[in-house]
Amino acid sequence: MAEWLREMSVGEWYEAGAQPFEIIGVDARAGVVLVQHFDGSLEELDFDSWLELSARPCAAPEDLSGAFDLESDDVYDDDRPHNGHAGNPLDDLNARLLDDY
């Protein structure tokens, strides 16, 4: 097995041409690397294409919402104020249940 393949792990982030993507699978028998780009698109690269890509490890993006194509207004479906982050979903559920009483 090639050294570069041993060093690669599912969940690691790489970039090529300033485009970040995550390794979501490696199939050594089929000779492919499965990646998910920041925008959510999936790609399967054979080992030769992976090596030609010259991808470099990078940090995961701080905002992982790129794959979801959502605005903050899309996350909240009611008129209650929110502080810009989802928080604990059980808190929201409890508030909705109490509103019904």
N, C-alpha and C. Protein backbone atom coordinates (compact mmCIF):
# COMPACT_ATOMS: atom_id res chain seq x y z
N MET A 1 0.85 -1.18 0.00
CA MET A 1 0.00 0.00 0.00
C MET A 1 0.90 1.24 0.00
N ALA A 2 0.52 2.22 -0.79
CA ALA A 2 1.31 3.45 -0.91
C ALA A 2 1.29 4.22 0.41
N GLU A 3 2.39 4.87 0.70
CA GLU A 3 2.52 5.65 1.95
C GLU A 3 1.46 6.74 2.04
N TRP A 4 1.20 7.45 0.92
CA TRP A 4 0.20 8.54 0.95
C TRP A 4 -1.19 8.00 1.28
N LEU A 5 -1.46 6.76 0.88
CA LEU A 5 -2.76 6.18 1.15
C LEU A 5 -2.91 5.82 2.63
N ARG A 6 -1.85 5.38 3.25
CA ARG A 6 -1.88 5.05 4.68
C ARG A 6 -2.09 6.29 5.53
N GLU A 7 -1.60 7.42 5.07
CA GLU A 7 -1.71 8.68 5.84
C GLU A 7 -3.08 9.34 5.70
N MET A 8 -3.88 8.90 4.75
CA MET A 8 -5.19 9.51 4.49
C MET A 8 -6.25 8.85 5.38
N SER A 9 -7.12 9.68 5.97
CA SER A 9 -8.19 9.15 6.83
C SER A 9 -9.52 9.81 6.47
N VAL A 10 -10.57 9.05 6.60
CA VAL A 10 -11.92 9.60 6.42
C VAL A 10 -12.13 10.69 7.46
N GLY A 11 -12.72 11.79 7.03
CA GLY A 11 -12.98 12.91 7.92
C GLY A 11 -11.95 14.02 7.82
N GLU A 12 -10.82 13.75 7.17
CA GLU A 12 -9.80 14.79 7.00
C GLU A 12 -10.20 15.73 5.88
N TRP A 13 -9.78 16.99 6.02
CA TRP A 13 -10.06 18.01 5.01
C TRP A 13 -8.81 18.29 4.21
N TYR A 14 -9.01 18.49 2.90
CA TYR A 14 -7.94 18.83 1.97
C TYR A 14 -8.39 20.01 1.13
N GLU A 15 -7.45 20.60 0.43
CA GLU A 15 -7.80 21.65 -0.52
C GLU A 15 -6.94 21.51 -1.76
N ALA A 16 -7.53 21.87 -2.87
CA ALA A 16 -6.83 21.92 -4.15
C ALA A 16 -7.40 23.12 -4.88
N GLY A 17 -6.54 24.07 -5.21
CA GLY A 17 -7.02 25.28 -5.85
C GLY A 17 -7.91 26.10 -4.94
N ALA A 18 -7.63 26.15 -3.67
CA ALA A 18 -8.37 26.91 -2.66
C ALA A 18 -9.80 26.41 -2.48
N GLN A 19 -10.12 25.22 -2.94
CA GLN A 19 -11.44 24.62 -2.77
C GLN A 19 -11.35 23.51 -1.73
N PRO A 20 -11.95 23.69 -0.54
CA PRO A 20 -11.87 22.66 0.49
C PRO A 20 -12.82 21.49 0.22
N PHE A 21 -12.40 20.31 0.61
CA PHE A 21 -13.24 19.13 0.52
C PHE A 21 -12.83 18.14 1.60
N GLU A 22 -13.76 17.25 1.94
CA GLU A 22 -13.54 16.28 3.00
C GLU A 22 -13.45 14.88 2.40
N ILE A 23 -12.55 14.07 2.92
CA ILE A 23 -12.47 12.68 2.52
C ILE A 23 -13.61 11.94 3.22
N ILE A 24 -14.50 11.33 2.45
CA ILE A 24 -15.62 10.60 3.05
C ILE A 24 -15.49 9.09 2.84
N GLY A 25 -14.50 8.68 2.08
CA GLY A 25 -14.28 7.25 1.88
C GLY A 25 -13.05 6.98 1.05
N VAL A 26 -12.43 5.85 1.31
CA VAL A 26 -11.30 5.38 0.52
C VAL A 26 -11.53 3.90 0.28
N ASP A 27 -11.55 3.51 -0.98
CA ASP A 27 -11.73 2.11 -1.35
C ASP A 27 -10.45 1.65 -2.04
N ALA A 28 -9.58 1.00 -1.27
CA ALA A 28 -8.28 0.58 -1.81
C ALA A 28 -8.45 -0.48 -2.89
N ARG A 29 -9.42 -1.34 -2.75
CA ARG A 29 -9.61 -2.40 -3.77
C ARG A 29 -10.06 -1.81 -5.10
N ALA A 30 -10.97 -0.86 -5.05
CA ALA A 30 -11.45 -0.23 -6.28
C ALA A 30 -10.50 0.87 -6.76
N GLY A 31 -9.61 1.30 -5.86
CA GLY A 31 -8.65 2.35 -6.22
C GLY A 31 -9.27 3.71 -6.34
N VAL A 32 -10.20 4.05 -5.42
CA VAL A 32 -10.86 5.36 -5.48
C VAL A 32 -10.86 6.05 -4.13
N VAL A 33 -10.90 7.37 -4.20
CA VAL A 33 -11.06 8.24 -3.04
C VAL A 33 -12.38 8.97 -3.24
N LEU A 34 -13.24 8.92 -2.24
CA LEU A 34 -14.52 9.60 -2.29
C LEU A 34 -14.43 10.90 -1.50
N VAL A 35 -14.82 12.00 -2.12
CA VAL A 35 -14.73 13.30 -1.45
C VAL A 35 -16.08 14.01 -1.53
N GLN A 36 -16.31 14.87 -0.53
CA GLN A 36 -17.46 15.76 -0.55
C GLN A 36 -16.92 17.17 -0.49
N HIS A 37 -17.28 17.96 -1.50
CA HIS A 37 -16.84 19.34 -1.57
C HIS A 37 -17.64 20.19 -0.59
N PHE A 38 -17.14 21.37 -0.28
CA PHE A 38 -17.79 22.26 0.68
C PHE A 38 -19.23 22.56 0.29
N ASP A 39 -19.50 22.63 -1.02
CA ASP A 39 -20.87 22.94 -1.47
C ASP A 39 -21.80 21.73 -1.41
N GLY A 40 -21.28 20.58 -0.97
CA GLY A 40 -22.11 19.38 -0.82
C GLY A 40 -21.99 18.39 -1.96
N SER A 41 -21.39 18.81 -3.07
CA SER A 41 -21.27 17.89 -4.20
C SER A 41 -20.28 16.77 -3.88
N LEU A 42 -20.56 15.60 -4.43
CA LEU A 42 -19.74 14.42 -4.20
C LEU A 42 -18.92 14.12 -5.44
N GLU A 43 -17.74 13.55 -5.21
CA GLU A 43 -16.87 13.21 -6.32
C GLU A 43 -16.09 11.95 -5.98
N GLU A 44 -15.90 11.12 -6.98
CA GLU A 44 -15.11 9.91 -6.84
C GLU A 44 -13.88 10.06 -7.72
N LEU A 45 -12.70 9.97 -7.11
CA LEU A 45 -11.45 10.14 -7.84
C LEU A 45 -10.67 8.84 -7.83
N ASP A 46 -10.22 8.40 -9.00
CA ASP A 46 -9.34 7.25 -8.98
C ASP A 46 -7.98 7.69 -8.44
N PHE A 47 -7.17 6.74 -8.03
CA PHE A 47 -5.91 7.09 -7.37
C PHE A 47 -5.02 7.96 -8.24
N ASP A 48 -4.97 7.70 -9.55
CA ASP A 48 -4.14 8.53 -10.44
C ASP A 48 -4.63 9.98 -10.44
N SER A 49 -5.95 10.17 -10.51
CA SER A 49 -6.51 11.53 -10.48
C SER A 49 -6.22 12.20 -9.15
N TRP A 50 -6.29 11.44 -8.06
CA TRP A 50 -6.00 11.99 -6.73
C TRP A 50 -4.56 12.52 -6.68
N LEU A 51 -3.63 11.74 -7.19
CA LEU A 51 -2.22 12.16 -7.16
C LEU A 51 -2.00 13.39 -8.04
N GLU A 52 -2.67 13.45 -9.19
CA GLU A 52 -2.55 14.61 -10.08
C GLU A 52 -3.15 15.86 -9.46
N LEU A 53 -4.11 15.69 -8.59
CA LEU A 53 -4.78 16.81 -7.93
C LEU A 53 -3.83 17.58 -7.03
N SER A 54 -2.83 16.90 -6.47
CA SER A 54 -1.87 17.53 -5.54
C SER A 54 -2.57 18.23 -4.38
N ALA A 55 -3.56 17.58 -3.83
CA ALA A 55 -4.31 18.15 -2.71
C ALA A 55 -3.44 18.21 -1.46
N ARG A 56 -3.65 19.27 -0.68
CA ARG A 56 -2.90 19.46 0.57
C ARG A 56 -3.87 19.44 1.74
N PRO A 57 -3.45 18.86 2.88
CA PRO A 57 -4.31 18.90 4.07
C PRO A 57 -4.60 20.34 4.48
N CYS A 58 -5.79 20.56 5.00
CA CYS A 58 -6.16 21.89 5.49
C CYS A 58 -7.11 21.71 6.68
N ALA A 59 -7.35 22.79 7.36
CA ALA A 59 -8.30 22.78 8.48
C ALA A 59 -9.72 22.74 7.93
N ALA A 60 -10.61 22.13 8.68
CA ALA A 60 -12.03 22.13 8.30
C ALA A 60 -12.56 23.55 8.36
N PRO A 61 -13.44 23.91 7.45
CA PRO A 61 -14.03 25.26 7.49
C PRO A 61 -14.75 25.48 8.82
N GLU A 62 -14.68 26.71 9.32
CA GLU A 62 -15.37 27.02 10.57
C GLU A 62 -16.88 26.95 10.40
N ASP A 63 -17.37 27.37 9.25
CA ASP A 63 -18.80 27.35 8.96
C ASP A 63 -19.06 26.21 7.98
N LEU A 64 -19.64 25.12 8.47
CA LEU A 64 -19.88 23.95 7.63
C LEU A 64 -21.24 23.97 6.95
N SER A 65 -21.88 25.12 6.89
CA SER A 65 -23.22 25.19 6.30
C SER A 65 -23.20 25.21 4.78
N GLY A 66 -22.05 25.24 4.16
CA GLY A 66 -21.96 25.31 2.70
C GLY A 66 -22.70 24.21 1.99
N ALA A 67 -22.69 23.02 2.55
CA ALA A 67 -23.36 21.88 1.91
C ALA A 67 -24.87 21.97 2.03
N PHE A 68 -25.39 22.80 2.91
CA PHE A 68 -26.82 22.85 3.15
C PHE A 68 -27.53 23.96 2.39
N ASP A 69 -26.79 24.93 1.88
CA ASP A 69 -27.36 26.03 1.11
C ASP A 69 -28.53 26.67 1.84
N LEU A 70 -28.29 27.02 3.12
CA LEU A 70 -29.33 27.63 3.95
C LEU A 70 -28.92 29.02 4.40
N GLU A 71 -29.89 29.86 4.52
CA GLU A 71 -29.72 31.14 5.17
C GLU A 71 -30.19 30.97 6.60
N SER A 72 -29.79 31.84 7.53
CA SER A 72 -30.23 31.67 8.92
C SER A 72 -31.75 31.77 9.03
N ASP A 73 -32.41 32.52 8.16
CA ASP A 73 -33.86 32.62 8.20
C ASP A 73 -34.53 31.30 7.83
N ASP A 74 -33.85 30.45 7.05
CA ASP A 74 -34.41 29.17 6.66
C ASP A 74 -34.46 28.18 7.81
N VAL A 75 -33.60 28.37 8.79
CA VAL A 75 -33.50 27.43 9.90
C VAL A 75 -34.67 27.59 10.87
N TYR A 76 -35.17 28.80 11.01
CA TYR A 76 -36.23 29.09 11.97
C TYR A 76 -37.54 29.31 11.22
N ASP A 77 -38.57 28.58 11.61
CA ASP A 77 -39.83 28.66 10.89
C ASP A 77 -40.92 29.41 11.66
N ASP A 78 -40.55 30.09 12.71
CA ASP A 78 -41.54 30.84 13.46
C ASP A 78 -41.04 32.26 13.71
N ASP A 79 -41.84 33.04 14.41
CA ASP A 79 -41.50 34.45 14.63
C ASP A 79 -40.76 34.70 15.92
N ARG A 80 -40.44 33.64 16.66
CA ARG A 80 -39.72 33.85 17.92
C ARG A 80 -38.31 34.34 17.65
N PRO A 81 -37.81 35.23 18.49
CA PRO A 81 -36.43 35.71 18.29
C PRO A 81 -35.44 34.58 18.54
N HIS A 82 -34.36 34.65 17.84
CA HIS A 82 -33.27 33.68 18.05
C HIS A 82 -31.96 34.43 18.01
N ASN A 83 -30.92 33.81 18.54
CA ASN A 83 -29.64 34.49 18.66
C ASN A 83 -28.65 34.10 17.57
N GLY A 84 -29.09 33.52 16.46
CA GLY A 84 -28.22 33.26 15.33
C GLY A 84 -27.58 31.88 15.32
N HIS A 85 -27.80 31.08 16.36
CA HIS A 85 -27.29 29.71 16.31
C HIS A 85 -28.37 28.76 16.81
N ALA A 86 -28.24 27.53 16.42
CA ALA A 86 -29.31 26.57 16.70
C ALA A 86 -29.39 26.21 18.17
N GLY A 87 -28.26 26.11 18.87
CA GLY A 87 -28.29 25.75 20.28
C GLY A 87 -28.76 24.31 20.47
N ASN A 88 -29.30 24.05 21.62
CA ASN A 88 -29.78 22.71 21.94
C ASN A 88 -31.18 22.53 21.37
N PRO A 89 -31.38 21.57 20.46
CA PRO A 89 -32.69 21.40 19.85
C PRO A 89 -33.77 21.02 20.85
N LEU A 90 -33.39 20.42 21.97
CA LEU A 90 -34.38 20.07 22.99
C LEU A 90 -34.96 21.31 23.66
N ASP A 91 -34.16 22.37 23.78
CA ASP A 91 -34.68 23.62 24.34
C ASP A 91 -35.80 24.16 23.47
N ASP A 92 -35.61 24.12 22.16
CA ASP A 92 -36.62 24.60 21.23
C ASP A 92 -37.87 23.72 21.30
N LEU A 93 -37.68 22.41 21.40
CA LEU A 93 -38.80 21.49 21.51
C LEU A 93 -39.60 21.76 22.78
N ASN A 94 -38.89 21.94 23.90
CA ASN A 94 -39.57 22.24 25.16
C ASN A 94 -40.37 23.53 25.06
N ALA A 95 -39.81 24.54 24.43
CA ALA A 95 -40.51 25.82 24.29
C ALA A 95 -41.77 25.65 23.44
N ARG A 96 -41.68 24.86 22.39
CA ARG A 96 -42.86 24.64 21.53
C ARG A 96 -43.93 23.85 22.28
N LEU A 97 -43.53 22.87 23.06
CA LEU A 97 -44.52 22.10 23.82
C LEU A 97 -45.21 22.96 24.86
N LEU A 98 -44.44 23.84 25.52
CA LEU A 98 -45.03 24.71 26.54
C LEU A 98 -45.96 25.74 25.90
N ASP A 99 -45.65 26.17 24.67
CA ASP A 99 -46.53 27.11 23.98
C ASP A 99 -47.91 26.53 23.70
N ASP A 100 -47.98 25.20 23.58
CA ASP A 100 -49.25 24.55 23.27
C ASP A 100 -50.17 24.46 24.49
N TYR A 101 -49.66 24.68 25.68
CA TYR A 101 -50.49 24.57 26.90
C TYR A 101 -51.10 25.88 27.27
